[in-house]
Amino acid sequence: MVKYEVTERLKQIQTELNKLALKIFQYNRQEDITRQLILEKEYMRELNKKEE
């Protein structure tokens, strides 16, 4: 019985860790997208300055 409880608890912990890992991945991905948009905006601003 104890072995089963420990196994179940380990499964629960693994599930929680997977959820946290997914949240971290999604957060990092969103930061990457935001950073890319900022860089593109700055690049377009510089291009417009050169064309003036």
C-alpha atoms as a PDB file:
ATOM      1  CA  MET A   1       0.000   0.000   0.000  1.00  0.00           C
ATOM      2  CA  VAL A   2       2.782   2.442   0.876  1.00  0.00           C
ATOM      3  CA  LYS A   3       4.564   1.725  -2.416  1.00  0.00           C
ATOM      4  CA  TYR A   4       1.352   2.542  -4.322  1.00  0.00           C
ATOM      5  CA  GLU A   5       0.906   5.821  -2.411  1.00  0.00           C
ATOM      6  CA  VAL A   6       4.497   6.852  -3.086  1.00  0.00           C
ATOM      7  CA  THR A   7       4.109   5.991  -6.775  1.00  0.00           C
ATOM      8  CA  GLU A   8       0.899   8.015  -6.995  1.00  0.00           C
ATOM      9  CA  ARG A   9       2.524  10.958  -5.229  1.00  0.00           C
ATOM     10  CA  LEU A  10       5.481  10.825  -7.620  1.00  0.00           C
ATOM     11  CA  LYS A  11       3.049  10.882 -10.552  1.00  0.00           C
ATOM     12  CA  GLN A  12       1.335  13.946  -9.067  1.00  0.00           C
ATOM     13  CA  ILE A  13       4.680  15.687  -8.577  1.00  0.00           C
ATOM     14  CA  GLN A  14       5.701  14.862 -12.155  1.00  0.00           C
ATOM     15  CA  THR A  15       2.415  16.279 -13.456  1.00  0.00           C
ATOM     16  CA  GLU A  16       2.929  19.505 -11.501  1.00  0.00           C
ATOM     17  CA  LEU A  17       6.518  19.802 -12.744  1.00  0.00           C
ATOM     18  CA  ASN A  18       5.345  19.313 -16.324  1.00  0.00           C
ATOM     19  CA  LYS A  19       2.734  22.056 -15.878  1.00  0.00           C
ATOM     20  CA  LEU A  20       5.372  24.423 -14.488  1.00  0.00           C
ATOM     21  CA  ALA A  21       7.783  23.592 -17.302  1.00  0.00           C
ATOM     22  CA  LEU A  22       5.073  24.364 -19.866  1.00  0.00           C
ATOM     23  CA  LYS A  23       4.288  27.705 -18.208  1.00  0.00           C
ATOM     24  CA  ILE A  24       7.984  28.638 -18.187  1.00  0.00           C
ATOM     25  CA  PHE A  25       8.323  27.641 -21.848  1.00  0.00           C
ATOM     26  CA  GLN A  26       5.260  29.681 -22.815  1.00  0.00           C
ATOM     27  CA  TYR A  27       6.503  32.694 -20.835  1.00  0.00           C
ATOM     28  CA  ASN A  28       9.950  32.514 -22.443  1.00  0.00           C
ATOM     29  CA  ARG A  29       8.379  32.134 -25.887  1.00  0.00           C
ATOM     30  CA  GLN A  30       6.205  35.202 -25.302  1.00  0.00           C
ATOM     31  CA  GLU A  31       9.283  37.171 -24.241  1.00  0.00           C
ATOM     32  CA  ASP A  32      11.070  36.068 -27.432  1.00  0.00           C
ATOM     33  CA  ILE A  33       8.135  37.201 -29.576  1.00  0.00           C
ATOM     34  CA  THR A  34       7.933  40.552 -27.767  1.00  0.00           C
ATOM     35  CA  ARG A  35      11.683  41.089 -28.132  1.00  0.00           C
ATOM     36  CA  GLN A  36      11.494  40.265 -31.854  1.00  0.00           C
ATOM     37  CA  LEU A  37       8.648  42.749 -32.392  1.00  0.00           C
ATOM     38  CA  ILE A  38      10.618  45.486 -30.611  1.00  0.00           C
ATOM     39  CA  LEU A  39      13.674  44.786 -32.771  1.00  0.00           C
ATOM     40  CA  GLU A  40      11.585  44.882 -35.952  1.00  0.00           C
ATOM     41  CA  LYS A  41      10.015  48.182 -34.896  1.00  0.00           C
ATOM     42  CA  GLU A  42      13.446  49.701 -34.204  1.00  0.00           C
ATOM     43  CA  TYR A  43      14.754  48.386 -37.517  1.00  0.00           C
ATOM     44  CA  MET A  44      11.849  49.943 -39.416  1.00  0.00           C
ATOM     45  CA  ARG A  45      12.386  53.232 -37.575  1.00  0.00           C
ATOM     46  CA  GLU A  46      16.054  53.242 -38.642  1.00  0.00           C
ATOM     47  CA  LEU A  47      15.109  52.458 -42.238  1.00  0.00           C
ATOM     48  CA  ASN A  48      12.666  55.358 -42.264  1.00  0.00           C
ATOM     49  CA  LYS A  49      15.357  57.704 -40.916  1.00  0.00           C
ATOM     50  CA  LYS A  50      17.745  56.684 -43.705  1.00  0.00           C
ATOM     51  CA  GLU A  51      15.087  57.235 -46.369  1.00  0.00           C
ATOM     52  CA  GLU A  52      14.349  60.782 -45.184  1.00  0.00           C
END
